[in-house]
């Protein structure tokens, strides 16, 4: 990607100038934690596969 960091800095600066209240609210908000879904073990996974996946 060409100019990614520079372009991002310009966009952030422009947003901070044009919408300072929104920018401050975004900066003050705590980061949200993302959790990956835990796969559920299926004891019959072989029996539940489609016919083409047995090979």
C-alpha atoms as a PDB file:
ATOM      1  CA  UNK A   1       0.000   0.000   0.000  1.00  0.00           C
ATOM      2  CA  UNK A   2       1.543   3.304  -1.051  1.00  0.00           C
ATOM      3  CA  UNK A   3       1.567   6.173   1.430  1.00  0.00           C
ATOM      4  CA  UNK A   4      -0.397   4.250   4.026  1.00  0.00           C
ATOM      5  CA  UNK A   5       1.080   5.807   7.162  1.00  0.00           C
ATOM      6  CA  UNK A   6       1.180   9.339   5.758  1.00  0.00           C
ATOM      7  CA  UNK A   7      -2.333   9.127   4.382  1.00  0.00           C
ATOM      8  CA  UNK A   8      -3.594   7.747   7.687  1.00  0.00           C
ATOM      9  CA  UNK A   9      -1.951  10.608   9.611  1.00  0.00           C
ATOM     10  CA  UNK A  10      -3.566  13.184   7.318  1.00  0.00           C
ATOM     11  CA  UNK A  11      -6.998  11.581   7.696  1.00  0.00           C
ATOM     12  CA  UNK A  12      -6.679  11.443  11.498  1.00  0.00           C
ATOM     13  CA  UNK A  13      -5.551  15.066  11.652  1.00  0.00           C
ATOM     14  CA  UNK A  14      -8.381  16.194   9.365  1.00  0.00           C
ATOM     15  CA  UNK A  15     -10.910  14.314  11.470  1.00  0.00           C
ATOM     16  CA  UNK A  16      -9.527  15.819  14.699  1.00  0.00           C
ATOM     17  CA  UNK A  17      -9.845  19.320  13.226  1.00  0.00           C
ATOM     18  CA  UNK A  18     -13.304  18.901  11.697  1.00  0.00           C
ATOM     19  CA  UNK A  19     -14.929  16.856  14.479  1.00  0.00           C
ATOM     20  CA  UNK A  20     -13.030  17.480  17.732  1.00  0.00           C
ATOM     21  CA  UNK A  21     -15.810  16.251  20.049  1.00  0.00           C
ATOM     22  CA  UNK A  22     -16.122  12.940  18.253  1.00  0.00           C
ATOM     23  CA  UNK A  23     -12.330  12.559  18.114  1.00  0.00           C
ATOM     24  CA  UNK A  24     -11.975  13.129  21.861  1.00  0.00           C
ATOM     25  CA  UNK A  25     -14.778  10.673  22.623  1.00  0.00           C
ATOM     26  CA  UNK A  26     -13.128   8.025  20.447  1.00  0.00           C
ATOM     27  CA  UNK A  27      -9.728   8.582  22.068  1.00  0.00           C
ATOM     28  CA  UNK A  28     -11.179   8.392  25.601  1.00  0.00           C
ATOM     29  CA  UNK A  29     -13.169   5.222  24.981  1.00  0.00           C
ATOM     30  CA  UNK A  30     -11.534   2.093  26.380  1.00  0.00           C
ATOM     31  CA  UNK A  31     -10.417  -0.508  23.896  1.00  0.00           C
ATOM     32  CA  UNK A  32     -12.793  -3.406  23.563  1.00  0.00           C
ATOM     33  CA  UNK A  33     -11.492  -6.924  23.895  1.00  0.00           C
ATOM     34  CA  UNK A  34     -12.209  -9.276  21.065  1.00  0.00           C
ATOM     35  CA  UNK A  35     -12.567 -12.953  21.807  1.00  0.00           C
ATOM     36  CA  UNK A  36     -12.293 -15.599  19.153  1.00  0.00           C
ATOM     37  CA  UNK A  37     -15.133 -18.098  19.227  1.00  0.00           C
ATOM     38  CA  UNK A  38     -14.129 -21.364  20.828  1.00  0.00           C
ATOM     39  CA  UNK A  39     -14.725 -24.334  18.543  1.00  0.00           C
ATOM     40  CA  UNK A  40     -17.087 -26.943  19.903  1.00  0.00           C
ATOM     41  CA  UNK A  41     -15.802 -30.494  19.762  1.00  0.00           C
ATOM     42  CA  UNK A  42     -18.100 -32.861  17.941  1.00  0.00           C
ATOM     43  CA  UNK A  43     -17.392 -36.494  18.864  1.00  0.00           C
ATOM     44  CA  UNK A  44     -19.146 -37.659  15.673  1.00  0.00           C
ATOM     45  CA  UNK A  45     -17.341 -35.307  13.288  1.00  0.00           C
ATOM     46  CA  UNK A  46     -16.424 -38.120  10.892  1.00  0.00           C
ATOM     47  CA  UNK A  47     -20.039 -39.279  10.639  1.00  0.00           C
ATOM     48  CA  UNK A  48     -21.261 -35.691  10.113  1.00  0.00           C
ATOM     49  CA  UNK A  49     -18.935 -34.896   7.200  1.00  0.00           C
ATOM     50  CA  UNK A  50     -20.281 -34.739   3.681  1.00  0.00           C
ATOM     51  CA  UNK A  51     -19.565 -37.605   1.298  1.00  0.00           C
ATOM     52  CA  UNK A  52     -16.857 -35.710  -0.664  1.00  0.00           C
ATOM     53  CA  UNK A  53     -14.806 -34.899   2.442  1.00  0.00           C
ATOM     54  CA  UNK A  54     -14.065 -38.536   3.397  1.00  0.00           C
ATOM     55  CA  UNK A  55     -11.104 -38.779   1.033  1.00  0.00           C
END
